[in-house]
Amino acid sequence: MATSPAEAGDRAATTLARTEPALGVPSFHELCARYFDFVWKCARALGAPSDETDDVVQDVFLVVQRRAADLKEERLARSWIYGIVRRVVSSHRRQRRDRGVGGGEPDVDSLSSSQPSPFAAAERSSEVNVLMRLLDGLDERKREVFVLSEILEMSGNEIAETIGVPMNTVYSRLRAAREEFDAAALRERKSLERKRAL
């Protein structure tokens, strides 16, 4: 049975040993409580398959626990944790590719749903699968900026600080990502219309 991100965050915080925080820096327990939802959303948006999201999030917080002494200022926590999420998701995706697991199997989210009807669940699952396919079509740098802006609703300044690039780079990547995403969405819509016409 799937657990909610909040329940899993509480479990992760109590399961993993606490590390002593530096002066003025949140403890490991506080980092788990504050950033669990953020880590969960980032992991899914950056391409962690739904059946591996729990593992990815757990691995992220294991790294956070192990490297907690590296965090020197509380204001840097979000971007520091995001960097860890990005590396862990990339590692999981690479391992999945190396194992030959991928595209053809159904997403776990499509197997069960709390939607009121099977049709609504199928429609929602289809929309999520299309979104993930469109995001997978973007290169990693564009996808990252697109996800941070459009899905996680971060400002240009937050994105620049989080990924460590100049604002102009953020806006350039975001513009290119939006253009590619829109073009891919248009192709997807036309393909769907042709299928319905048959």
N, C-alpha and C. Protein backbone atom coordinates (compact mmCIF):
# COMPACT_ATOMS: atom_id res chain seq x y z
N MET A 1 0.85 -1.17 0.00
CA MET A 1 0.00 0.00 0.00
C MET A 1 0.89 1.24 0.00
N ALA A 2 0.61 2.18 -0.88
CA ALA A 2 1.42 3.38 -0.99
C ALA A 2 1.17 4.29 0.21
N THR A 3 2.22 4.96 0.63
CA THR A 3 2.08 5.91 1.72
C THR A 3 2.15 7.31 1.16
N SER A 4 1.60 8.25 1.89
CA SER A 4 1.67 9.65 1.45
C SER A 4 3.09 10.15 1.66
N PRO A 5 3.48 11.18 0.91
CA PRO A 5 4.81 11.75 1.11
C PRO A 5 5.05 12.19 2.56
N ALA A 6 4.04 12.75 3.20
CA ALA A 6 4.21 13.21 4.59
C ALA A 6 4.47 12.05 5.53
N GLU A 7 3.71 10.93 5.36
CA GLU A 7 3.91 9.77 6.21
C GLU A 7 5.29 9.17 5.97
N ALA A 8 5.68 9.07 4.71
CA ALA A 8 6.99 8.52 4.39
C ALA A 8 8.10 9.41 4.94
N GLY A 9 7.89 10.73 4.91
CA GLY A 9 8.88 11.67 5.45
C GLY A 9 9.06 11.50 6.94
N ASP A 10 7.93 11.34 7.65
CA ASP A 10 8.01 11.11 9.09
C ASP A 10 8.74 9.81 9.39
N ARG A 11 8.43 8.78 8.60
CA ARG A 11 9.07 7.49 8.78
C ARG A 11 10.56 7.58 8.50
N ALA A 12 10.93 8.30 7.42
CA ALA A 12 12.35 8.45 7.07
C ALA A 12 13.09 9.19 8.16
N ALA A 13 12.47 10.22 8.70
CA ALA A 13 13.13 11.03 9.73
C ALA A 13 13.35 10.23 11.00
N THR A 14 12.40 9.36 11.36
CA THR A 14 12.57 8.58 12.58
C THR A 14 13.42 7.34 12.36
N THR A 15 13.46 6.82 11.12
CA THR A 15 14.24 5.62 10.82
C THR A 15 15.73 5.91 10.78
N LEU A 16 16.09 7.02 10.15
CA LEU A 16 17.50 7.36 10.00
C LEU A 16 18.00 8.04 11.26
N ALA A 17 19.24 7.77 11.61
CA ALA A 17 19.82 8.37 12.81
C ALA A 17 19.99 9.87 12.64
N ARG A 18 19.88 10.57 13.72
CA ARG A 18 20.04 12.02 13.68
C ARG A 18 21.52 12.38 13.65
N THR A 19 21.82 13.47 12.95
CA THR A 19 23.18 14.01 12.99
C THR A 19 23.11 15.33 13.71
N GLU A 20 24.16 15.67 14.38
CA GLU A 20 24.18 16.94 15.11
C GLU A 20 24.35 18.08 14.12
N PRO A 21 23.48 19.08 14.17
CA PRO A 21 23.57 20.19 13.23
C PRO A 21 24.66 21.17 13.61
N ALA A 22 25.20 21.85 12.60
CA ALA A 22 26.10 22.96 12.87
C ALA A 22 25.26 24.10 13.42
N LEU A 23 25.91 25.02 14.10
CA LEU A 23 25.20 26.15 14.67
C LEU A 23 24.43 26.90 13.59
N GLY A 24 23.11 27.09 13.77
CA GLY A 24 22.31 27.84 12.82
C GLY A 24 21.87 27.04 11.60
N VAL A 25 22.23 25.78 11.52
CA VAL A 25 21.86 24.94 10.39
C VAL A 25 20.83 23.93 10.89
N PRO A 26 19.76 23.69 10.11
CA PRO A 26 18.73 22.73 10.56
C PRO A 26 19.31 21.34 10.79
N SER A 27 18.76 20.64 11.76
CA SER A 27 19.16 19.26 12.01
C SER A 27 18.65 18.38 10.87
N PHE A 28 19.13 17.16 10.83
CA PHE A 28 18.68 16.22 9.81
C PHE A 28 17.17 16.03 9.90
N HIS A 29 16.66 15.90 11.11
CA HIS A 29 15.22 15.71 11.31
C HIS A 29 14.44 16.91 10.75
N GLU A 30 14.94 18.12 11.00
CA GLU A 30 14.28 19.33 10.48
C GLU A 30 14.35 19.38 8.96
N LEU A 31 15.48 18.98 8.39
CA LEU A 31 15.61 18.95 6.92
C LEU A 31 14.60 17.98 6.31
N CYS A 32 14.44 16.82 6.95
CA CYS A 32 13.45 15.84 6.46
C CYS A 32 12.05 16.43 6.50
N ALA A 33 11.71 17.02 7.61
CA ALA A 33 10.37 17.57 7.77
C ALA A 33 10.09 18.71 6.79
N ARG A 34 11.06 19.60 6.61
CA ARG A 34 10.85 20.77 5.76
C ARG A 34 10.89 20.45 4.26
N TYR A 35 11.73 19.51 3.87
CA TYR A 35 12.01 19.33 2.45
C TYR A 35 11.52 18.02 1.86
N PHE A 36 10.81 17.22 2.64
CA PHE A 36 10.38 15.93 2.10
C PHE A 36 9.48 16.09 0.87
N ASP A 37 8.46 16.93 0.96
CA ASP A 37 7.56 17.13 -0.18
C ASP A 37 8.32 17.68 -1.39
N PHE A 38 9.23 18.61 -1.14
CA PHE A 38 10.05 19.18 -2.22
C PHE A 38 10.87 18.09 -2.90
N VAL A 39 11.51 17.22 -2.13
CA VAL A 39 12.30 16.13 -2.68
C VAL A 39 11.42 15.19 -3.49
N TRP A 40 10.25 14.86 -2.95
CA TRP A 40 9.32 13.95 -3.62
C TRP A 40 8.91 14.50 -4.99
N LYS A 41 8.49 15.79 -5.00
CA LYS A 41 8.06 16.42 -6.24
C LYS A 41 9.20 16.51 -7.24
N CYS A 42 10.36 16.91 -6.77
CA CYS A 42 11.53 17.00 -7.68
C CYS A 42 11.87 15.64 -8.27
N ALA A 43 11.88 14.61 -7.44
CA ALA A 43 12.23 13.28 -7.92
C ALA A 43 11.28 12.84 -9.03
N ARG A 44 9.97 13.00 -8.82
CA ARG A 44 9.01 12.61 -9.85
C ARG A 44 9.15 13.46 -11.10
N ALA A 45 9.30 14.77 -10.91
CA ALA A 45 9.37 15.67 -12.05
C ALA A 45 10.66 15.49 -12.85
N LEU A 46 11.72 15.07 -12.19
CA LEU A 46 12.99 14.86 -12.90
C LEU A 46 13.08 13.48 -13.53
N GLY A 47 12.03 12.68 -13.41
CA GLY A 47 11.97 11.43 -14.15
C GLY A 47 12.13 10.16 -13.35
N ALA A 48 12.06 10.23 -12.03
CA ALA A 48 12.10 9.01 -11.24
C ALA A 48 10.80 8.26 -11.47
N PRO A 49 10.86 7.00 -11.91
CA PRO A 49 9.62 6.23 -12.12
C PRO A 49 8.84 6.10 -10.82
N SER A 50 7.53 6.07 -10.93
CA SER A 50 6.70 6.04 -9.73
C SER A 50 6.98 4.83 -8.85
N ASP A 51 7.37 3.71 -9.48
CA ASP A 51 7.66 2.52 -8.68
C ASP A 51 9.01 2.59 -7.98
N GLU A 52 9.83 3.61 -8.27
CA GLU A 52 11.13 3.77 -7.62
C GLU A 52 11.22 5.06 -6.80
N THR A 53 10.16 5.84 -6.76
CA THR A 53 10.22 7.13 -6.09
C THR A 53 10.55 6.98 -4.61
N ASP A 54 9.96 6.01 -3.93
CA ASP A 54 10.27 5.80 -2.51
C ASP A 54 11.76 5.55 -2.32
N ASP A 55 12.34 4.70 -3.18
CA ASP A 55 13.77 4.38 -3.09
C ASP A 55 14.62 5.62 -3.36
N VAL A 56 14.24 6.40 -4.36
CA VAL A 56 14.98 7.61 -4.70
C VAL A 56 14.96 8.58 -3.53
N VAL A 57 13.78 8.82 -2.96
CA VAL A 57 13.66 9.76 -1.85
C VAL A 57 14.47 9.28 -0.65
N GLN A 58 14.40 7.99 -0.37
CA GLN A 58 15.18 7.44 0.73
C GLN A 58 16.68 7.64 0.47
N ASP A 59 17.13 7.36 -0.74
CA ASP A 59 18.54 7.55 -1.07
C ASP A 59 18.96 9.01 -0.93
N VAL A 60 18.08 9.93 -1.33
CA VAL A 60 18.38 11.35 -1.18
C VAL A 60 18.63 11.69 0.29
N PHE A 61 17.74 11.22 1.16
CA PHE A 61 17.90 11.57 2.57
C PHE A 61 19.05 10.82 3.24
N LEU A 62 19.43 9.67 2.70
CA LEU A 62 20.64 9.02 3.20
C LEU A 62 21.87 9.87 2.88
N VAL A 63 21.89 10.44 1.67
CA VAL A 63 23.00 11.34 1.30
C VAL A 63 22.96 12.60 2.15
N VAL A 64 21.76 13.15 2.35
CA VAL A 64 21.62 14.35 3.19
C VAL A 64 22.16 14.06 4.59
N GLN A 65 21.81 12.90 5.13
CA GLN A 65 22.29 12.54 6.47
C GLN A 65 23.81 12.41 6.49
N ARG A 66 24.34 11.73 5.49
CA ARG A 66 25.78 11.48 5.43
C ARG A 66 26.57 12.77 5.23
N ARG A 67 26.01 13.70 4.48
CA ARG A 67 26.75 14.92 4.13
C ARG A 67 26.23 16.16 4.85
N ALA A 68 25.48 15.99 5.92
CA ALA A 68 24.87 17.12 6.62
C ALA A 68 25.90 18.16 7.05
N ALA A 69 27.10 17.73 7.37
CA ALA A 69 28.15 18.67 7.80
C ALA A 69 28.57 19.61 6.68
N ASP A 70 28.28 19.24 5.42
CA ASP A 70 28.63 20.09 4.27
C ASP A 70 27.74 21.32 4.16
N LEU A 71 26.55 21.26 4.75
CA LEU A 71 25.62 22.39 4.69
C LEU A 71 26.04 23.43 5.73
N LYS A 72 26.47 24.59 5.25
CA LYS A 72 27.00 25.62 6.15
C LYS A 72 26.00 26.70 6.51
N GLU A 73 25.01 26.95 5.63
CA GLU A 73 24.03 28.00 5.89
C GLU A 73 22.63 27.50 5.60
N GLU A 74 21.68 27.85 6.45
CA GLU A 74 20.30 27.41 6.28
C GLU A 74 19.71 27.89 4.97
N ARG A 75 20.05 29.10 4.53
CA ARG A 75 19.47 29.66 3.30
C ARG A 75 19.89 28.87 2.06
N LEU A 76 20.92 28.06 2.16
CA LEU A 76 21.40 27.26 1.02
C LEU A 76 20.82 25.84 1.00
N ALA A 77 20.01 25.51 2.01
CA ALA A 77 19.53 24.13 2.16
C ALA A 77 18.75 23.65 0.94
N ARG A 78 17.84 24.47 0.44
CA ARG A 78 17.00 24.04 -0.69
C ARG A 78 17.83 23.72 -1.93
N SER A 79 18.74 24.60 -2.30
CA SER A 79 19.54 24.34 -3.49
C SER A 79 20.52 23.19 -3.26
N TRP A 80 21.03 23.05 -2.04
CA TRP A 80 21.94 21.95 -1.71
C TRP A 80 21.20 20.61 -1.83
N ILE A 81 19.99 20.56 -1.27
CA ILE A 81 19.19 19.33 -1.35
C ILE A 81 18.78 19.06 -2.79
N TYR A 82 18.43 20.10 -3.54
CA TYR A 82 18.06 19.90 -4.94
C TYR A 82 19.22 19.27 -5.72
N GLY A 83 20.43 19.72 -5.48
CA GLY A 83 21.59 19.14 -6.15
C GLY A 83 21.73 17.65 -5.86
N ILE A 84 21.44 17.27 -4.62
CA ILE A 84 21.48 15.86 -4.25
C ILE A 84 20.39 15.09 -4.98
N VAL A 85 19.18 15.65 -5.02
CA VAL A 85 18.06 14.99 -5.71
C VAL A 85 18.43 14.76 -7.18
N ARG A 86 18.97 15.78 -7.80
CA ARG A 86 19.33 15.71 -9.22
C ARG A 86 20.32 14.57 -9.47
N ARG A 87 21.33 14.46 -8.63
CA ARG A 87 22.34 13.40 -8.81
C ARG A 87 21.75 12.01 -8.54
N VAL A 88 20.94 11.90 -7.50
CA VAL A 88 20.36 10.59 -7.16
C VAL A 88 19.39 10.13 -8.25
N VAL A 89 18.54 11.03 -8.74
CA VAL A 89 17.60 10.67 -9.81
C VAL A 89 18.38 10.25 -11.06
N SER A 90 19.40 10.99 -11.40
CA SER A 90 20.22 10.66 -12.57
C SER A 90 20.85 9.28 -12.41
N SER A 91 21.34 8.99 -11.23
CA SER A 91 21.94 7.69 -10.95
C SER A 91 20.91 6.57 -11.08
N HIS A 92 19.71 6.77 -10.52
CA HIS A 92 18.66 5.75 -10.62
C HIS A 92 18.23 5.53 -12.07
N ARG A 93 18.11 6.62 -12.83
CA ARG A 93 17.72 6.48 -14.24
C ARG A 93 18.78 5.72 -15.02
N ARG A 94 20.05 6.03 -14.74
CA ARG A 94 21.15 5.34 -15.42
C ARG A 94 21.15 3.85 -15.06
N GLN A 95 20.96 3.53 -13.78
CA GLN A 95 20.91 2.13 -13.34
C GLN A 95 19.74 1.41 -14.00
N ARG A 96 18.62 2.08 -14.12
CA ARG A 96 17.44 1.48 -14.75
C ARG A 96 17.71 1.18 -16.22
N ARG A 97 18.35 2.13 -16.91
CA ARG A 97 18.73 1.90 -18.32
C ARG A 97 19.70 0.73 -18.43
N ASP A 98 20.68 0.68 -17.54
CA ASP A 98 21.68 -0.39 -17.57
C ASP A 98 21.05 -1.76 -17.34
N ARG A 99 19.99 -1.80 -16.53
CA ARG A 99 19.28 -3.07 -16.28
C ARG A 99 18.35 -3.42 -17.42
N GLY A 100 18.16 -2.47 -18.35
CA GLY A 100 17.27 -2.73 -19.48
C GLY A 100 15.80 -2.59 -19.13
N VAL A 101 15.52 -1.90 -18.03
CA VAL A 101 14.14 -1.67 -17.61
C VAL A 101 13.72 -0.35 -18.20
N GLY A 102 12.50 -0.28 -18.71
CA GLY A 102 12.09 1.01 -19.22
C GLY A 102 10.76 1.01 -19.91
N GLY A 103 10.68 1.95 -20.85
CA GLY A 103 9.53 2.39 -21.58
C GLY A 103 8.33 1.50 -21.73
N GLY A 104 8.45 0.21 -22.02
CA GLY A 104 7.30 -0.59 -22.39
C GLY A 104 6.41 -1.01 -21.24
N GLU A 105 6.89 -0.97 -20.03
CA GLU A 105 6.09 -1.45 -18.92
C GLU A 105 5.16 -0.36 -18.39
N PRO A 106 4.03 -0.74 -17.82
CA PRO A 106 3.09 0.27 -17.34
C PRO A 106 3.64 0.97 -16.10
N ASP A 107 3.26 2.21 -15.94
CA ASP A 107 3.61 2.99 -14.77
C ASP A 107 2.74 2.49 -13.61
N VAL A 108 3.31 2.33 -12.44
CA VAL A 108 2.57 1.83 -11.29
C VAL A 108 1.35 2.71 -11.00
N ASP A 109 1.48 4.02 -11.24
CA ASP A 109 0.35 4.91 -11.00
C ASP A 109 -0.86 4.54 -11.85
N SER A 110 -0.63 3.91 -13.01
CA SER A 110 -1.75 3.56 -13.87
C SER A 110 -2.44 2.26 -13.44
N LEU A 111 -1.84 1.53 -12.49
CA LEU A 111 -2.40 0.26 -12.08
C LEU A 111 -3.46 0.40 -11.00
N SER A 112 -3.35 1.44 -10.19
CA SER A 112 -4.35 1.67 -9.16
C SER A 112 -4.60 3.16 -9.03
N SER A 113 -5.82 3.50 -8.69
CA SER A 113 -6.16 4.91 -8.61
C SER A 113 -7.29 5.11 -7.62
N SER A 114 -7.32 6.29 -7.03
CA SER A 114 -8.41 6.62 -6.12
C SER A 114 -9.50 7.42 -6.84
N GLN A 115 -9.40 7.52 -8.18
CA GLN A 115 -10.41 8.23 -8.97
C GLN A 115 -11.75 7.51 -8.85
N PRO A 116 -12.84 8.25 -8.99
CA PRO A 116 -14.16 7.65 -8.79
C PRO A 116 -14.55 6.62 -9.86
N SER A 117 -14.02 6.73 -11.07
CA SER A 117 -14.41 5.77 -12.10
C SER A 117 -13.19 5.26 -12.85
N PRO A 118 -13.28 4.07 -13.42
CA PRO A 118 -12.16 3.55 -14.20
C PRO A 118 -11.82 4.45 -15.40
N PHE A 119 -12.82 5.04 -16.02
CA PHE A 119 -12.56 5.92 -17.16
C PHE A 119 -11.75 7.14 -16.72
N ALA A 120 -12.13 7.75 -15.60
CA ALA A 120 -11.40 8.92 -15.08
C ALA A 120 -9.97 8.55 -14.73
N ALA A 121 -9.80 7.37 -14.13
CA ALA A 121 -8.44 6.92 -13.78
C ALA A 121 -7.60 6.71 -15.04
N ALA A 122 -8.18 6.10 -16.06
CA ALA A 122 -7.45 5.86 -17.30
C ALA A 122 -7.10 7.17 -17.99
N GLU A 123 -8.02 8.11 -17.97
CA GLU A 123 -7.77 9.41 -18.59
C GLU A 123 -6.65 10.16 -17.86
N ARG A 124 -6.68 10.15 -16.54
CA ARG A 124 -5.65 10.81 -15.73
C ARG A 124 -4.30 10.15 -15.95
N SER A 125 -4.27 8.83 -15.94
CA SER A 125 -3.03 8.10 -16.16
C SER A 125 -2.45 8.40 -17.53
N SER A 126 -3.31 8.48 -18.51
CA SER A 126 -2.88 8.79 -19.87
C SER A 126 -2.26 10.18 -19.93
N GLU A 127 -2.87 11.14 -19.25
CA GLU A 127 -2.34 12.50 -19.24
C GLU A 127 -0.97 12.56 -18.57
N VAL A 128 -0.81 11.85 -17.45
CA VAL A 128 0.47 11.82 -16.75
C VAL A 128 1.53 11.16 -17.64
N ASN A 129 1.15 10.07 -18.29
CA ASN A 129 2.11 9.39 -19.18
C ASN A 129 2.52 10.28 -20.33
N VAL A 130 1.59 11.03 -20.90
CA VAL A 130 1.92 11.96 -21.99
C VAL A 130 2.87 13.04 -21.48
N LEU A 131 2.57 13.60 -20.31
CA LEU A 131 3.44 14.63 -19.73
C LEU A 131 4.84 14.09 -19.52
N MET A 132 4.96 12.91 -18.94
CA MET A 132 6.29 12.34 -18.69
C MET A 132 7.01 12.07 -20.02
N ARG A 133 6.30 11.62 -21.03
CA ARG A 133 6.90 11.38 -22.34
C ARG A 133 7.40 12.69 -22.96
N LEU A 134 6.60 13.75 -22.85
CA LEU A 134 7.01 15.06 -23.37
C LEU A 134 8.23 15.58 -22.61
N LEU A 135 8.24 15.41 -21.30
CA LEU A 135 9.41 15.85 -20.52
C LEU A 135 10.64 15.03 -20.85
N ASP A 136 10.45 13.74 -21.09
CA ASP A 136 11.58 12.88 -21.47
C ASP A 136 12.20 13.30 -22.80
N GLY A 137 11.42 13.98 -23.63
CA GLY A 137 11.92 14.44 -24.92
C GLY A 137 12.84 15.64 -24.82
N LEU A 138 12.88 16.30 -23.67
CA LEU A 138 13.75 17.45 -23.47
C LEU A 138 15.11 16.97 -22.97
N ASP A 139 16.19 17.66 -23.38
CA ASP A 139 17.48 17.28 -22.81
C ASP A 139 17.48 17.66 -21.33
N GLU A 140 18.40 17.09 -20.57
CA GLU A 140 18.34 17.22 -19.11
C GLU A 140 18.40 18.66 -18.62
N ARG A 141 19.22 19.51 -19.25
CA ARG A 141 19.34 20.90 -18.79
C ARG A 141 18.04 21.67 -19.01
N LYS A 142 17.41 21.47 -20.17
CA LYS A 142 16.15 22.17 -20.44
C LYS A 142 15.04 21.61 -19.57
N ARG A 143 15.00 20.30 -19.43
CA ARG A 143 13.97 19.67 -18.61
C ARG A 143 14.05 20.19 -17.17
N GLU A 144 15.26 20.27 -16.65
CA GLU A 144 15.44 20.72 -15.29
C GLU A 144 14.86 22.12 -15.07
N VAL A 145 15.19 23.05 -15.94
CA VAL A 145 14.70 24.42 -15.80
C VAL A 145 13.18 24.47 -16.02
N PHE A 146 12.68 23.71 -17.00
CA PHE A 146 11.25 23.67 -17.28
C PHE A 146 10.48 23.15 -16.06
N VAL A 147 10.97 22.05 -15.48
CA VAL A 147 10.31 21.46 -14.32
C VAL A 147 10.32 22.42 -13.14
N LEU A 148 11.47 23.04 -12.88
CA LEU A 148 11.55 23.96 -11.75
C LEU A 148 10.61 25.14 -11.93
N SER A 149 10.48 25.64 -13.15
CA SER A 149 9.63 26.80 -13.41
C SER A 149 8.16 26.43 -13.51
N GLU A 150 7.84 25.48 -14.38
CA GLU A 150 6.45 25.20 -14.71
C GLU A 150 5.76 24.24 -13.74
N ILE A 151 6.49 23.32 -13.16
CA ILE A 151 5.87 22.33 -12.28
C ILE A 151 6.06 22.70 -10.81
N LEU A 152 7.30 23.06 -10.45
CA LEU A 152 7.56 23.41 -9.06
C LEU A 152 7.36 24.90 -8.78
N GLU A 153 7.05 25.67 -9.83
CA GLU A 153 6.70 27.09 -9.75
C GLU A 153 7.74 27.93 -9.03
N MET A 154 9.01 27.69 -9.34
CA MET A 154 10.09 28.49 -8.78
C MET A 154 10.31 29.71 -9.67
N SER A 155 10.75 30.81 -9.09
CA SER A 155 11.05 32.02 -9.85
C SER A 155 12.40 31.86 -10.56
N GLY A 156 12.65 32.75 -11.51
CA GLY A 156 13.93 32.72 -12.22
C GLY A 156 15.11 32.85 -11.27
N ASN A 157 14.99 33.73 -10.27
CA ASN A 157 16.07 33.90 -9.29
C ASN A 157 16.30 32.62 -8.48
N GLU A 158 15.20 31.99 -8.06
CA GLU A 158 15.33 30.74 -7.29
C GLU A 158 15.99 29.65 -8.13
N ILE A 159 15.60 29.57 -9.40
CA ILE A 159 16.18 28.55 -10.27
C ILE A 159 17.67 28.80 -10.46
N ALA A 160 18.03 30.05 -10.73
CA ALA A 160 19.45 30.39 -10.94
C ALA A 160 20.27 30.03 -9.70
N GLU A 161 19.75 30.35 -8.53
CA GLU A 161 20.46 30.04 -7.29
C GLU A 161 20.52 28.53 -7.05
N THR A 162 19.41 27.84 -7.33
CA THR A 162 19.33 26.40 -7.08
C THR A 162 20.29 25.60 -7.94
N ILE A 163 20.36 25.92 -9.24
CA ILE A 163 21.21 25.12 -10.13
C ILE A 163 22.55 25.77 -10.40
N GLY A 164 22.76 26.98 -9.88
CA GLY A 164 24.07 27.62 -9.98
C GLY A 164 24.44 28.12 -11.36
N VAL A 165 23.47 28.71 -12.07
CA VAL A 165 23.76 29.28 -13.39
C VAL A 165 23.26 30.72 -13.41
N PRO A 166 23.77 31.55 -14.34
CA PRO A 166 23.30 32.93 -14.43
C PRO A 166 21.83 33.00 -14.87
N MET A 167 21.18 34.10 -14.53
CA MET A 167 19.77 34.30 -14.89
C MET A 167 19.55 34.20 -16.39
N ASN A 168 20.45 34.77 -17.19
CA ASN A 168 20.30 34.70 -18.65
C ASN A 168 20.26 33.26 -19.13
N THR A 169 21.06 32.42 -18.52
CA THR A 169 21.08 30.99 -18.89
C THR A 169 19.74 30.35 -18.54
N VAL A 170 19.21 30.68 -17.36
CA VAL A 170 17.91 30.14 -16.95
C VAL A 170 16.85 30.50 -17.98
N TYR A 171 16.78 31.79 -18.34
CA TYR A 171 15.74 32.23 -19.26
C TYR A 171 15.95 31.68 -20.67
N SER A 172 17.19 31.53 -21.08
CA SER A 172 17.48 30.97 -22.39
C SER A 172 17.04 29.50 -22.46
N ARG A 173 17.41 28.73 -21.43
CA ARG A 173 17.01 27.31 -21.39
C ARG A 173 15.50 27.17 -21.27
N LEU A 174 14.90 28.03 -20.46
CA LEU A 174 13.45 27.95 -20.26
C LEU A 174 12.71 28.27 -21.56
N ARG A 175 13.15 29.29 -22.27
CA ARG A 175 12.51 29.64 -23.54
C ARG A 175 12.62 28.48 -24.54
N ALA A 176 13.82 27.91 -24.66
CA ALA A 176 14.03 26.78 -25.57
C ALA A 176 13.20 25.57 -25.14
N ALA A 177 13.14 25.31 -23.84
CA ALA A 177 12.37 24.17 -23.34
C ALA A 177 10.89 24.35 -23.62
N ARG A 178 10.38 25.55 -23.40
CA ARG A 178 8.95 25.81 -23.67
C ARG A 178 8.65 25.62 -25.15
N GLU A 179 9.53 26.10 -26.02
CA GLU A 179 9.31 25.94 -27.46
C GLU A 179 9.31 24.46 -27.85
N GLU A 180 10.27 23.70 -27.34
CA GLU A 180 10.33 22.27 -27.65
C GLU A 180 9.13 21.54 -27.07
N PHE A 181 8.76 21.87 -25.83
CA PHE A 181 7.62 21.23 -25.19
C PHE A 181 6.34 21.52 -25.96
N ASP A 182 6.13 22.79 -26.33
CA ASP A 182 4.93 23.16 -27.07
C ASP A 182 4.87 22.46 -28.42
N ALA A 183 6.01 22.37 -29.12
CA ALA A 183 6.04 21.69 -30.41
C ALA A 183 5.73 20.20 -30.25
N ALA A 184 6.30 19.58 -29.21
CA ALA A 184 6.03 18.16 -28.96
C ALA A 184 4.57 17.94 -28.56
N ALA A 185 4.01 18.86 -27.78
CA ALA A 185 2.60 18.75 -27.38
C ALA A 185 1.69 18.88 -28.59
N LEU A 186 2.04 19.78 -29.51
CA LEU A 186 1.25 19.95 -30.73
C LEU A 186 1.30 18.68 -31.58
N ARG A 187 2.49 18.08 -31.70
CA ARG A 187 2.61 16.81 -32.45
C ARG A 187 1.77 15.72 -31.78
N GLU A 188 1.81 15.67 -30.48
CA GLU A 188 1.04 14.67 -29.73
C GLU A 188 -0.46 14.87 -29.95
N ARG A 189 -0.91 16.13 -29.93
CA ARG A 189 -2.32 16.44 -30.14
C ARG A 189 -2.76 16.04 -31.54
N LYS A 190 -1.93 16.35 -32.56
CA LYS A 190 -2.27 15.99 -33.94
C LYS A 190 -2.31 14.48 -34.12
N SER A 191 -1.38 13.79 -33.48
CA SER A 191 -1.38 12.33 -33.55
C SER A 191 -2.64 11.75 -32.94
N LEU A 192 -3.06 12.30 -31.82
CA LEU A 192 -4.28 11.84 -31.16
C LEU A 192 -5.51 12.12 -32.02
N GLU A 193 -5.54 13.29 -32.65
CA GLU A 193 -6.66 13.63 -33.53
C GLU A 193 -6.72 12.68 -34.73
N ARG A 194 -5.57 12.33 -35.29
CA ARG A 194 -5.56 11.37 -36.42
C ARG A 194 -6.08 10.01 -35.98
N LYS A 195 -5.68 9.56 -34.77
CA LYS A 195 -6.15 8.27 -34.27
C LYS A 195 -7.66 8.29 -34.06
N ARG A 196 -8.18 9.39 -33.55
CA ARG A 196 -9.63 9.48 -33.32
C ARG A 196 -10.40 9.53 -34.63
N ALA A 197 -9.78 10.10 -35.67
CA ALA A 197 -10.44 10.21 -36.96
C ALA A 197 -10.57 8.86 -37.67
N LEU A 198 -9.72 7.90 -37.30
CA LEU A 198 -9.74 6.59 -37.96
C LEU A 198 -10.90 5.74 -37.56
